[in-house]
């Protein structure tokens, strides 16, 4: 019997792959129903996949070629075909974001379809069951649970990381892997909102716009474009989440924002000789509250006309429009992080099967592994691909 620990995205896919290969599979899940992260993803809509995969935007402290190989083990087109043809859940492309959602816009349809498919393949589920111990022995594994011991020929750990602990993620699987002598790279919250204390922009809470954002730590710069949201505690939105790991890992990281698609030269041309108020020029490209905030910080009076800007005012304003230094001091941590950065080093598993190189018959997949991607379905693509790889590997 193959025991899968965890009924999240990776665990469910691992169970389906192993059972589809004809193996007897038991899934242990500590929550009452499983798949809680699936249920809350995409605001309850579930961003199943990206329309295009971007391996170059994934983050890992392990060799990148190992991560890319795992991602490519199940091409994106094949993943989409699985959901649409095998699970019978049609997906629709959101053109503006490049994200794929179920046509029903119901995350529950994805979770339920995965569970139903597993059950159709005779997978057994034990919900509200926690793993309390795991030891290799003989030709298999002794699995200890809060409901008693089990014996397994092979075990797949798909327990997730530390992100969104309210869904049942507590990092227990990572601790167990470490106890079993696997190297676990330092973990940190990723894809999490940033905070500022004092909250310099609390007055703009609720203002949103599309931006270009750059986070620099040392000689490396990470860049993202997309939605930016001012919150009462700091900043959120896809662009912020995509660079938040830089700040989470580097207290000295410098984050700069270009608030619009207009560059410095173009702003200078728009201001030159214009009889319009500066605030009116800005209002054509930026939210009014943000425009007023930037003018105030640059020392530009509200009654100033664009063509009458002093050189120091113009320079200060354009700098704030195109390379604004975001005053961040922290982040919302794992409580609101969409994924866990760091985790089990990819060198610790066979990249073709995800079997542990330390213990035969133990397979590791999903968020436990040291890799994550940007917002937009990439982390589900990672979960689906590595879960399937582990399931197939364990079934051999």
Protein backbone atom coordinates (compact mmCIF):
# COMPACT_ATOMS: atom_id res chain seq x y z
CA UNK A 1 0.00 0.00 0.00
CA UNK A 2 1.13 3.53 -0.82
CA UNK A 3 0.32 6.10 1.85
CA UNK A 4 0.00 9.72 0.74
CA UNK A 5 0.25 12.24 3.58
CA UNK A 6 -1.70 15.38 2.70
CA UNK A 7 -4.79 15.94 0.57
CA UNK A 8 -3.82 19.28 -0.90
CA UNK A 9 -3.09 19.94 -4.56
CA UNK A 10 0.11 17.87 -4.74
CA UNK A 11 -1.20 15.07 -2.52
CA UNK A 12 -4.42 14.62 -4.45
CA UNK A 13 -2.54 14.54 -7.75
CA UNK A 14 -0.03 12.05 -6.33
CA UNK A 15 -2.85 9.78 -5.19
CA UNK A 16 -4.55 9.95 -8.58
CA UNK A 17 -1.30 9.16 -10.42
CA UNK A 18 -0.41 6.22 -8.18
CA UNK A 19 -3.92 4.77 -8.18
CA UNK A 20 -4.15 5.27 -11.93
CA UNK A 21 -1.09 3.05 -12.24
CA UNK A 22 -2.98 0.32 -10.41
CA UNK A 23 -1.61 0.73 -6.91
CA UNK A 24 -3.53 0.56 -3.63
CA UNK A 25 -3.50 4.10 -2.18
CA UNK A 26 -4.48 5.53 1.19
CA UNK A 27 -4.54 9.31 1.77
CA UNK A 28 -4.12 10.71 5.28
CA UNK A 29 -5.37 14.28 5.80
CA UNK A 30 -5.35 16.17 9.08
CA UNK A 31 -8.33 18.41 8.18
CA UNK A 32 -11.93 17.33 7.82
CA UNK A 33 -12.12 17.62 4.04
CA UNK A 34 -8.73 18.44 2.48
CA UNK A 35 -7.81 20.85 -0.31
CA UNK A 36 -8.39 23.97 1.78
CA UNK A 37 -5.80 26.01 -0.12
CA UNK A 38 -7.51 25.05 -3.34
CA UNK A 39 -10.80 26.31 -1.91
CA UNK A 40 -9.45 29.75 -0.98
CA UNK A 41 -7.22 30.29 -4.00
CA UNK A 42 -8.08 33.04 -6.45
CA UNK A 43 -10.60 34.51 -4.05
CA UNK A 44 -12.57 31.26 -4.11
CA UNK A 45 -12.32 30.94 -7.89
CA UNK A 46 -9.11 28.84 -8.05
CA UNK A 47 -6.53 29.98 -10.57
CA UNK A 48 -5.87 26.43 -11.76
CA UNK A 49 -3.03 27.18 -14.19
CA UNK A 50 -1.26 30.00 -16.00
CA UNK A 51 -1.87 30.30 -19.72
CA UNK A 52 1.91 30.25 -20.19
CA UNK A 53 4.47 28.78 -17.83
CA UNK A 54 7.45 30.95 -16.86
CA UNK A 55 10.15 28.66 -15.35
CA UNK A 56 12.62 31.57 -15.40
CA UNK A 57 10.52 33.37 -12.80
CA UNK A 58 10.61 30.53 -10.30
CA UNK A 59 12.75 30.98 -7.19
CA UNK A 60 14.91 28.26 -5.66
CA UNK A 61 18.18 27.96 -3.78
CA UNK A 62 18.68 24.59 -5.45
CA UNK A 63 20.09 24.03 -8.96
CA UNK A 64 17.60 25.64 -11.33
CA UNK A 65 17.88 22.86 -13.91
CA UNK A 66 16.40 20.40 -11.40
CA UNK A 67 13.41 22.66 -10.86
CA UNK A 68 12.91 23.15 -14.59
CA UNK A 69 13.06 19.40 -15.20
CA UNK A 70 10.36 18.76 -12.61
CA UNK A 71 8.13 21.44 -14.11
CA UNK A 72 8.58 20.07 -17.61
CA UNK A 73 7.79 16.51 -16.54
CA UNK A 74 4.14 17.33 -17.21
CA UNK A 75 3.76 20.00 -19.91
CA UNK A 76 1.22 22.74 -19.32
CA UNK A 77 -0.95 21.66 -22.25
CA UNK A 78 -1.16 18.15 -20.78
CA UNK A 79 -2.10 19.52 -17.38
CA UNK A 80 -4.92 21.53 -18.91
CA UNK A 81 -6.12 18.50 -20.86
CA UNK A 82 -6.21 16.50 -17.60
CA UNK A 83 -8.57 18.97 -15.96
CA UNK A 84 -10.77 19.47 -18.99
CA UNK A 85 -10.83 15.97 -20.49
CA UNK A 86 -10.29 13.64 -17.54
CA UNK A 87 -11.86 15.63 -14.70
CA UNK A 88 -14.47 17.22 -16.98
CA UNK A 89 -13.89 20.69 -15.53
CA UNK A 90 -13.75 23.22 -18.40
CA UNK A 91 -11.32 26.09 -17.94
CA UNK A 92 -11.59 29.66 -19.20
CA UNK A 93 -8.80 32.13 -19.90
CA UNK A 94 -8.94 35.52 -18.20
CA UNK A 95 -7.38 37.55 -20.99
CA UNK A 96 -6.28 40.49 -18.84
CA UNK A 97 -4.23 38.38 -16.44
CA UNK A 98 -3.39 35.27 -18.47
CA UNK A 99 -4.88 33.03 -15.76
CA UNK A 100 -7.01 29.93 -16.23
CA UNK A 101 -10.05 29.50 -13.98
CA UNK A 102 -12.84 26.93 -13.97
CA UNK A 103 -15.71 28.19 -16.11
CA UNK A 104 -17.94 27.93 -13.05
CA UNK A 105 -15.58 30.26 -11.10
CA UNK A 106 -15.91 27.82 -8.19
CA UNK A 107 -12.73 26.57 -6.55
CA UNK A 108 -14.78 23.82 -4.90
CA UNK A 109 -15.41 22.30 -8.33
CA UNK A 110 -11.66 21.74 -8.74
CA UNK A 111 -11.17 20.26 -5.29
CA UNK A 112 -14.24 18.04 -5.54
CA UNK A 113 -13.31 16.83 -9.03
CA UNK A 114 -9.87 15.77 -7.79
CA UNK A 115 -11.32 13.93 -4.79
CA UNK A 116 -14.01 12.29 -6.95
CA UNK A 117 -11.43 11.13 -9.49
CA UNK A 118 -9.28 9.67 -6.73
CA UNK A 119 -12.24 7.82 -5.27
CA UNK A 120 -13.21 6.52 -8.70
CA UNK A 121 -9.71 4.99 -8.81
CA UNK A 122 -10.43 3.36 -5.42
CA UNK A 123 -8.25 5.70 -3.35
CA UNK A 124 -9.19 5.53 0.35
CA UNK A 125 -9.29 8.75 2.40
CA UNK A 126 -8.86 9.12 6.13
CA UNK A 127 -9.72 12.68 7.07
CA UNK A 128 -9.08 14.27 10.49
CA UNK A 129 -6.04 12.01 10.70
CA UNK A 130 -2.63 13.38 11.63
CA UNK A 131 0.76 11.84 11.00
CA UNK A 132 2.58 11.50 14.33
CA UNK A 133 5.59 9.44 13.31
CA UNK A 134 7.29 7.86 10.33
CA UNK A 135 10.06 5.25 10.42
CA UNK A 136 11.64 3.04 7.77
CA UNK A 137 11.56 -0.64 8.58
CA UNK A 138 12.19 -3.76 6.58
CA UNK A 139 10.82 -3.38 3.07
CA UNK A 140 8.46 -0.55 3.96
CA UNK A 141 7.47 2.13 6.42
CA UNK A 142 5.88 2.22 9.84
CA UNK A 143 3.37 5.08 9.78
CA UNK A 144 2.10 6.37 13.11
CA UNK A 145 -1.13 8.38 13.23
CA UNK A 146 -3.41 9.78 15.91
CA UNK A 147 -5.75 6.88 15.11
CA UNK A 148 -3.16 4.15 15.33
CA UNK A 149 -0.30 2.60 13.33
CA UNK A 150 -0.22 1.67 9.65
CA UNK A 151 2.21 -0.20 7.41
CA UNK A 152 3.09 1.13 3.97
CA UNK A 153 5.30 -0.13 1.18
CA UNK A 154 5.93 3.46 0.12
CA UNK A 155 5.10 6.89 1.49
CA UNK A 156 4.51 10.17 -0.34
CA UNK A 157 4.86 13.28 1.80
CA UNK A 158 2.75 16.15 0.44
CA UNK A 159 2.16 18.08 3.65
CA UNK A 160 2.80 21.58 2.28
CA UNK A 161 4.80 24.30 3.95
CA UNK A 162 3.98 27.00 6.47
CA UNK A 163 1.83 29.36 4.41
CA UNK A 164 -1.76 30.10 5.46
CA UNK A 165 -1.67 27.98 8.64
CA UNK A 166 -5.46 28.34 8.96
CA UNK A 167 -5.74 25.78 6.13
CA UNK A 168 -3.84 23.16 8.13
CA UNK A 169 -0.25 23.88 7.06
CA UNK A 170 2.07 23.77 10.06
CA UNK A 171 5.43 22.78 8.59
CA UNK A 172 5.30 19.38 10.28
CA UNK A 173 6.33 17.60 7.10
CA UNK A 174 9.43 19.75 6.78
CA UNK A 175 10.40 18.98 10.37
CA UNK A 176 9.88 15.29 9.71
CA UNK A 177 11.99 15.42 6.54
CA UNK A 178 14.75 17.15 8.47
CA UNK A 179 14.56 14.52 11.22
CA UNK A 180 15.01 11.92 8.48
CA UNK A 181 18.30 13.64 7.55
CA UNK A 182 17.15 15.61 4.53
CA UNK A 183 18.66 19.04 3.93
CA UNK A 184 15.99 21.71 4.31
CA UNK A 185 16.93 25.14 2.99
CA UNK A 186 15.85 28.03 5.26
CA UNK A 187 12.14 28.77 4.83
CA UNK A 188 10.56 32.21 4.51
CA UNK A 189 7.16 33.68 3.59
CA UNK A 190 6.75 34.29 -0.15
CA UNK A 191 3.99 35.99 -2.13
CA UNK A 192 2.97 37.90 0.99
CA UNK A 193 1.88 41.55 1.46
CA UNK A 194 4.44 44.07 2.66
CA UNK A 195 3.93 46.31 5.68
CA UNK A 196 5.12 49.76 6.69
CA UNK A 197 5.41 51.06 10.22
CA UNK A 198 4.54 53.81 10.54
CA UNK A 199 1.99 53.33 7.76
CA UNK A 200 3.01 56.29 5.63
CA UNK A 201 0.29 55.65 3.05
CA UNK A 202 -2.61 54.53 5.23
CA UNK A 203 -4.66 57.44 3.89
CA UNK A 204 -4.54 55.81 0.43
CA UNK A 205 -5.84 52.45 1.61
CA UNK A 206 -7.99 50.97 -1.15
CA UNK A 207 -6.29 52.79 -4.03
CA UNK A 208 -5.17 50.37 -6.74
CA UNK A 209 -3.40 50.66 -10.07
CA UNK A 210 -1.05 48.77 -12.37
CA UNK A 211 2.64 49.45 -11.78
CA UNK A 212 6.16 48.31 -12.52
CA UNK A 213 8.07 47.39 -9.37
CA UNK A 214 11.72 46.52 -8.79
CA UNK A 215 13.25 45.00 -5.66
CA UNK A 216 17.00 45.12 -5.37
CA UNK A 217 19.17 43.22 -2.89
CA UNK A 218 22.89 43.37 -3.47
CA UNK A 219 23.56 43.12 -7.18
CA UNK A 220 20.37 41.25 -8.03
CA UNK A 221 17.16 42.96 -9.11
CA UNK A 222 13.77 41.25 -9.24
CA UNK A 223 11.08 42.94 -11.31
CA UNK A 224 7.33 42.55 -11.69
CA UNK A 225 4.44 44.36 -13.32
CA UNK A 226 0.75 44.30 -12.50
CA UNK A 227 -1.70 45.25 -9.83
CA UNK A 228 -0.62 47.27 -6.78
CA UNK A 229 -2.91 47.90 -3.81
CA UNK A 230 -2.44 50.30 -0.90
CA UNK A 231 -3.66 48.75 2.36
CA UNK A 232 -4.12 50.19 5.82
CA UNK A 233 -0.94 48.33 6.89
CA UNK A 234 1.16 48.63 3.75
CA UNK A 235 1.00 47.23 0.24
CA UNK A 236 -0.40 44.24 -1.62
CA UNK A 237 -1.45 43.20 -5.10
CA UNK A 238 0.22 40.77 -7.55
CA UNK A 239 3.20 43.02 -8.32
CA UNK A 240 4.03 43.43 -4.63
CA UNK A 241 3.54 39.74 -3.84
CA UNK A 242 5.85 38.73 -6.67
CA UNK A 243 8.80 40.67 -5.21
CA UNK A 244 7.97 40.25 -1.52
CA UNK A 245 10.39 37.34 -1.09
CA UNK A 246 13.29 39.71 -1.76
CA UNK A 247 12.21 41.86 1.17
CA UNK A 248 11.46 38.81 3.35
CA UNK A 249 15.03 37.58 2.90
CA UNK A 250 16.84 40.92 2.90
CA UNK A 251 16.09 43.62 5.44
CA UNK A 252 18.13 46.07 3.35
CA UNK A 253 16.28 45.43 0.09
CA UNK A 254 15.40 48.58 -1.85
CA UNK A 255 12.02 48.59 -3.60
CA UNK A 256 11.17 51.19 -6.22
CA UNK A 257 7.89 51.67 -8.05
CA UNK A 258 7.11 53.18 -11.44
CA UNK A 259 3.49 54.16 -10.96
CA UNK A 260 2.50 54.36 -14.63
CA UNK A 261 3.74 53.24 -18.04
CA UNK A 262 5.03 56.80 -18.68
CA UNK A 263 8.81 57.10 -18.33
CA UNK A 264 10.82 60.09 -17.09
CA UNK A 265 11.41 61.58 -20.55
CA UNK A 266 7.72 61.34 -21.45
CA UNK A 267 6.65 63.02 -18.19
CA UNK A 268 9.06 65.87 -18.85
CA UNK A 269 7.55 66.33 -22.32
CA UNK A 270 4.01 66.25 -20.91
CA UNK A 271 4.85 68.96 -18.39
CA UNK A 272 6.80 71.20 -20.76
CA UNK A 273 4.87 74.29 -21.78
CA UNK A 274 1.52 72.94 -20.57
CA UNK A 275 -0.93 75.44 -19.11
CA UNK A 276 -2.82 72.67 -17.28
CA UNK A 277 -2.54 72.21 -13.56
CA UNK A 278 0.04 69.59 -12.62
CA UNK A 279 -2.67 67.68 -10.75
CA UNK A 280 -4.77 67.52 -13.91
CA UNK A 281 -1.85 66.21 -15.97
CA UNK A 282 -1.21 63.51 -13.39
CA UNK A 283 -4.90 62.64 -13.18
CA UNK A 284 -4.80 61.42 -16.80
CA UNK A 285 -2.51 58.58 -15.76
CA UNK A 286 -2.73 58.08 -11.97
CA UNK A 287 -5.41 57.97 -9.24
CA UNK A 288 -6.09 61.43 -7.79
CA UNK A 289 -5.16 60.52 -4.22
CA UNK A 290 -1.81 59.18 -5.38
CA UNK A 291 -1.22 62.26 -7.53
CA UNK A 292 -1.84 64.56 -4.58
CA UNK A 293 0.41 62.46 -2.35
CA UNK A 294 3.30 62.56 -4.83
CA UNK A 295 2.91 66.30 -5.36
CA UNK A 296 2.95 66.89 -1.62
CA UNK A 297 6.09 64.80 -1.17
CA UNK A 298 7.80 66.60 -4.07
CA UNK A 299 6.87 70.01 -2.66
CA UNK A 300 4.66 70.95 -5.61
CA UNK A 301 1.77 73.30 -4.72
CA UNK A 302 -1.68 72.15 -5.87
CA UNK A 303 -2.13 75.40 -7.81
CA UNK A 304 1.09 74.88 -9.79
CA UNK A 305 0.69 74.70 -13.57
CA UNK A 306 2.78 72.13 -15.42
CA UNK A 307 4.60 74.66 -17.58
CA UNK A 308 5.53 76.69 -14.48
CA UNK A 309 7.17 73.86 -12.54
CA UNK A 310 10.51 74.82 -11.05
CA UNK A 311 13.36 72.55 -12.03
CA UNK A 312 13.72 71.14 -8.53
CA UNK A 313 9.96 70.49 -8.34
CA UNK A 314 9.88 68.83 -11.74
CA UNK A 315 12.87 66.61 -10.96
CA UNK A 316 11.50 65.60 -7.56
CA UNK A 317 8.06 64.84 -8.98
CA UNK A 318 9.33 62.81 -11.95
CA UNK A 319 11.62 60.82 -9.65
CA UNK A 320 8.62 59.92 -7.50
CA UNK A 321 6.53 59.02 -10.52
CA UNK A 322 9.12 56.73 -12.09
CA UNK A 323 11.36 55.38 -9.29
CA UNK A 324 9.46 55.82 -6.05
CA UNK A 325 11.30 54.39 -3.01
CA UNK A 326 8.66 52.31 -1.26
CA UNK A 327 8.94 52.73 2.53
CA UNK A 328 8.45 49.14 3.71
CA UNK A 329 9.50 47.75 7.09
CA UNK A 330 8.21 44.17 7.12
CA UNK A 331 5.68 41.71 5.73
CA UNK A 332 2.52 39.87 6.75
CA UNK A 333 4.45 36.63 7.24
CA UNK A 334 3.21 33.09 6.71
CA UNK A 335 -0.28 34.01 7.89
CA UNK A 336 -1.00 35.67 4.54
CA UNK A 337 1.78 34.20 2.40
CA UNK A 338 0.48 32.28 -0.58
CA UNK A 339 3.47 29.93 -0.59
CA UNK A 340 6.52 28.94 1.41
CA UNK A 341 9.95 29.88 0.09
CA UNK A 342 12.80 27.48 0.78
CA UNK A 343 12.17 23.88 1.81
CA UNK A 344 13.67 20.51 0.98
CA UNK A 345 16.66 20.96 -1.31
CA UNK A 346 15.90 19.59 -4.76
CA UNK A 347 19.19 17.67 -4.73
CA UNK A 348 17.70 15.53 -1.95
CA UNK A 349 15.34 13.76 -4.37
CA UNK A 350 15.68 11.89 -7.64
CA UNK A 351 14.44 14.47 -10.15
CA UNK A 352 12.84 11.71 -12.30
CA UNK A 353 10.74 10.13 -9.55
CA UNK A 354 11.01 12.49 -6.52
CA UNK A 355 12.16 9.55 -4.43
CA UNK A 356 14.33 10.54 -1.48
CA UNK A 357 18.03 9.97 -2.03
CA UNK A 358 18.31 9.30 1.71
CA UNK A 359 15.49 6.79 2.17
CA UNK A 360 14.19 4.36 -0.44
CA UNK A 361 10.43 4.27 -0.69
CA UNK A 362 9.93 7.86 0.52
CA UNK A 363 8.74 10.47 -2.00
CA UNK A 364 8.50 14.25 -1.52
CA UNK A 365 6.47 16.73 -3.54
CA UNK A 366 4.65 20.05 -3.71
CA UNK A 367 5.25 23.07 -1.51
CA UNK A 368 7.63 21.07 0.70
CA UNK A 369 10.24 21.30 -2.05
CA UNK A 370 12.49 24.34 -2.46
CA UNK A 371 10.82 26.14 -5.36
CA UNK A 372 7.96 28.55 -5.95
CA UNK A 373 6.71 30.61 -8.83
CA UNK A 374 4.98 33.96 -9.35
CA UNK A 375 1.32 34.75 -8.87
CA UNK A 376 -0.95 33.42 -11.58
CA UNK A 377 -1.34 29.65 -11.29
CA UNK A 378 2.37 28.80 -11.44
CA UNK A 379 2.41 27.28 -7.97
CA UNK A 380 -0.52 25.03 -8.78
CA UNK A 381 1.35 23.96 -11.92
CA UNK A 382 4.27 23.05 -9.64
CA UNK A 383 1.98 21.13 -7.28
CA UNK A 384 0.24 19.25 -10.10
CA UNK A 385 3.53 18.36 -11.83
CA UNK A 386 5.48 17.28 -8.74
CA UNK A 387 2.50 15.47 -7.23
CA UNK A 388 2.05 13.46 -10.41
CA UNK A 389 5.78 12.77 -10.62
CA UNK A 390 5.85 11.47 -7.04
CA UNK A 391 2.74 9.35 -7.59
CA UNK A 392 4.15 7.74 -10.72
CA UNK A 393 7.52 7.29 -9.04
CA UNK A 394 5.98 5.55 -6.03
CA UNK A 395 3.88 3.27 -8.24
CA UNK A 396 6.87 1.80 -10.03
